[in-house]
Amino acid sequence: MLHKYKKIVPIEAEQFNGSTKQIARYKVHIVGPTSWGDASYFLLPTKEGNMKLNTGDYIATGVDGEHWVIAPEIFEKTYERVD
């Protein structure tokens, strides 16, 4: 039987803008451009491995200091500001 659960622990999050401060703070990797012409992109190190990160995505920080990427349309549907 499926049950519904609600997140009860607040997280910290910030929208990624590609600034050098954010790149340094979250140890973001810049990849590219590739030799076949693909543009550069970003990778955020997480507990599960690197996650692709786009400008405008949110970087969430959990209770253990772990980070993960949340697309803006998902973030805005599932989180509300508490401060």
C-alpha atoms as a PDB file:
ATOM      1  CA  MET A   1       0.000   0.000   0.000  1.00  0.00           C
ATOM      2  CA  LEU A   2       1.309   3.452  -0.912  1.00  0.00           C
ATOM      3  CA  HIS A   3       1.502   6.144   1.754  1.00  0.00           C
ATOM      4  CA  LYS A   4       1.996   9.911   1.452  1.00  0.00           C
ATOM      5  CA  TYR A   5       4.889  11.625   3.219  1.00  0.00           C
ATOM      6  CA  LYS A   6       5.678  15.278   3.835  1.00  0.00           C
ATOM      7  CA  LYS A   7       9.184  16.707   4.183  1.00  0.00           C
ATOM      8  CA  ILE A   8       9.535  18.061   7.698  1.00  0.00           C
ATOM      9  CA  VAL A   9      13.125  19.298   7.796  1.00  0.00           C
ATOM     10  CA  PRO A  10      13.843  22.734   6.325  1.00  0.00           C
ATOM     11  CA  ILE A  11      16.613  22.911   3.746  1.00  0.00           C
ATOM     12  CA  GLU A  12      18.795  25.755   2.586  1.00  0.00           C
ATOM     13  CA  ALA A  13      18.718  26.513  -1.120  1.00  0.00           C
ATOM     14  CA  GLU A  14      20.020  29.105  -3.504  1.00  0.00           C
ATOM     15  CA  GLN A  15      19.429  29.672  -7.187  1.00  0.00           C
ATOM     16  CA  PHE A  16      22.564  29.043  -9.241  1.00  0.00           C
ATOM     17  CA  ASN A  17      23.660  32.020 -11.334  1.00  0.00           C
ATOM     18  CA  GLY A  18      27.062  30.743 -12.485  1.00  0.00           C
ATOM     19  CA  SER A  19      29.052  33.229 -10.391  1.00  0.00           C
ATOM     20  CA  THR A  20      32.621  32.439  -9.434  1.00  0.00           C
ATOM     21  CA  LYS A  21      31.580  32.639  -5.751  1.00  0.00           C
ATOM     22  CA  GLN A  22      28.961  29.919  -6.183  1.00  0.00           C
ATOM     23  CA  ILE A  23      31.305  27.800  -8.309  1.00  0.00           C
ATOM     24  CA  ALA A  24      33.904  27.940  -5.525  1.00  0.00           C
ATOM     25  CA  ARG A  25      31.409  27.509  -2.641  1.00  0.00           C
ATOM     26  CA  TYR A  26      29.862  24.338  -4.081  1.00  0.00           C
ATOM     27  CA  LYS A  27      33.009  23.025  -5.819  1.00  0.00           C
ATOM     28  CA  VAL A  28      31.197  23.070  -9.173  1.00  0.00           C
ATOM     29  CA  HIS A  29      33.052  21.623 -12.158  1.00  0.00           C
ATOM     30  CA  ILE A  30      32.975  23.476 -15.475  1.00  0.00           C
ATOM     31  CA  VAL A  31      33.003  21.046 -18.403  1.00  0.00           C
ATOM     32  CA  GLY A  32      33.656  21.995 -22.008  1.00  0.00           C
ATOM     33  CA  PRO A  33      33.437  23.355 -24.457  1.00  0.00           C
ATOM     34  CA  THR A  34      34.056  20.092 -26.264  1.00  0.00           C
ATOM     35  CA  SER A  35      36.080  19.695 -29.432  1.00  0.00           C
ATOM     36  CA  TRP A  36      32.884  19.002 -31.410  1.00  0.00           C
ATOM     37  CA  GLY A  37      31.370  22.378 -30.474  1.00  0.00           C
ATOM     38  CA  ASP A  38      29.159  21.652 -27.461  1.00  0.00           C
ATOM     39  CA  ALA A  39      28.903  24.554 -25.044  1.00  0.00           C
ATOM     40  CA  SER A  40      30.310  24.468 -21.528  1.00  0.00           C
ATOM     41  CA  TYR A  41      28.143  23.124 -18.731  1.00  0.00           C
ATOM     42  CA  PHE A  42      28.360  22.675 -14.961  1.00  0.00           C
ATOM     43  CA  LEU A  43      28.507  19.607 -12.703  1.00  0.00           C
ATOM     44  CA  LEU A  44      27.692  19.694  -8.995  1.00  0.00           C
ATOM     45  CA  PRO A  45      29.386  17.032  -6.833  1.00  0.00           C
ATOM     46  CA  THR A  46      26.765  15.148  -4.759  1.00  0.00           C
ATOM     47  CA  LYS A  47      26.677  12.024  -2.587  1.00  0.00           C
ATOM     48  CA  GLU A  48      25.390  10.078  -5.597  1.00  0.00           C
ATOM     49  CA  GLY A  49      27.945  11.467  -8.047  1.00  0.00           C
ATOM     50  CA  ASN A  50      28.026  14.533 -10.264  1.00  0.00           C
ATOM     51  CA  MET A  51      24.705  16.124 -11.241  1.00  0.00           C
ATOM     52  CA  LYS A  52      24.337  18.407 -14.265  1.00  0.00           C
ATOM     53  CA  LEU A  53      23.621  21.952 -13.119  1.00  0.00           C
ATOM     54  CA  ASN A  54      22.092  24.692 -15.243  1.00  0.00           C
ATOM     55  CA  THR A  55      21.962  28.408 -14.564  1.00  0.00           C
ATOM     56  CA  GLY A  56      18.611  28.984 -12.842  1.00  0.00           C
ATOM     57  CA  ASP A  57      18.567  25.588 -11.082  1.00  0.00           C
ATOM     58  CA  TYR A  58      18.487  25.539  -7.306  1.00  0.00           C
ATOM     59  CA  ILE A  59      21.277  24.049  -5.217  1.00  0.00           C
ATOM     60  CA  ALA A  60      19.760  22.534  -2.088  1.00  0.00           C
ATOM     61  CA  THR A  61      21.719  21.748   1.063  1.00  0.00           C
ATOM     62  CA  GLY A  62      20.441  18.991   3.348  1.00  0.00           C
ATOM     63  CA  VAL A  63      20.764  18.400   7.070  1.00  0.00           C
ATOM     64  CA  ASP A  64      24.106  16.615   6.654  1.00  0.00           C
ATOM     65  CA  GLY A  65      25.591  19.334   4.421  1.00  0.00           C
ATOM     66  CA  GLU A  66      24.961  17.349   1.235  1.00  0.00           C
ATOM     67  CA  HIS A  67      23.986  19.172  -1.959  1.00  0.00           C
ATOM     68  CA  TRP A  68      21.687  18.321  -4.844  1.00  0.00           C
ATOM     69  CA  VAL A  69      20.190  20.065  -7.875  1.00  0.00           C
ATOM     70  CA  ILE A  70      16.501  20.941  -8.174  1.00  0.00           C
ATOM     71  CA  ALA A  71      15.059  22.306 -11.427  1.00  0.00           C
ATOM     72  CA  PRO A  72      13.300  25.645 -10.861  1.00  0.00           C
ATOM     73  CA  GLU A  73       9.855  24.407 -11.942  1.00  0.00           C
ATOM     74  CA  ILE A  74      10.061  21.516  -9.424  1.00  0.00           C
ATOM     75  CA  PHE A  75      11.512  23.710  -6.665  1.00  0.00           C
ATOM     76  CA  GLU A  76       8.727  26.271  -6.994  1.00  0.00           C
ATOM     77  CA  LYS A  77       6.039  23.536  -6.814  1.00  0.00           C
ATOM     78  CA  THR A  78       7.465  21.698  -3.809  1.00  0.00           C
ATOM     79  CA  TYR A  79       9.158  24.237  -1.524  1.00  0.00           C
ATOM     80  CA  GLU A  80       8.065  27.447   0.159  1.00  0.00           C
ATOM     81  CA  ARG A  81      10.245  30.012   1.851  1.00  0.00           C
ATOM     82  CA  VAL A  82      10.127  29.987   5.676  1.00  0.00           C
ATOM     83  CA  ASP A  83      12.328  32.960   6.638  1.00  0.00           C
END
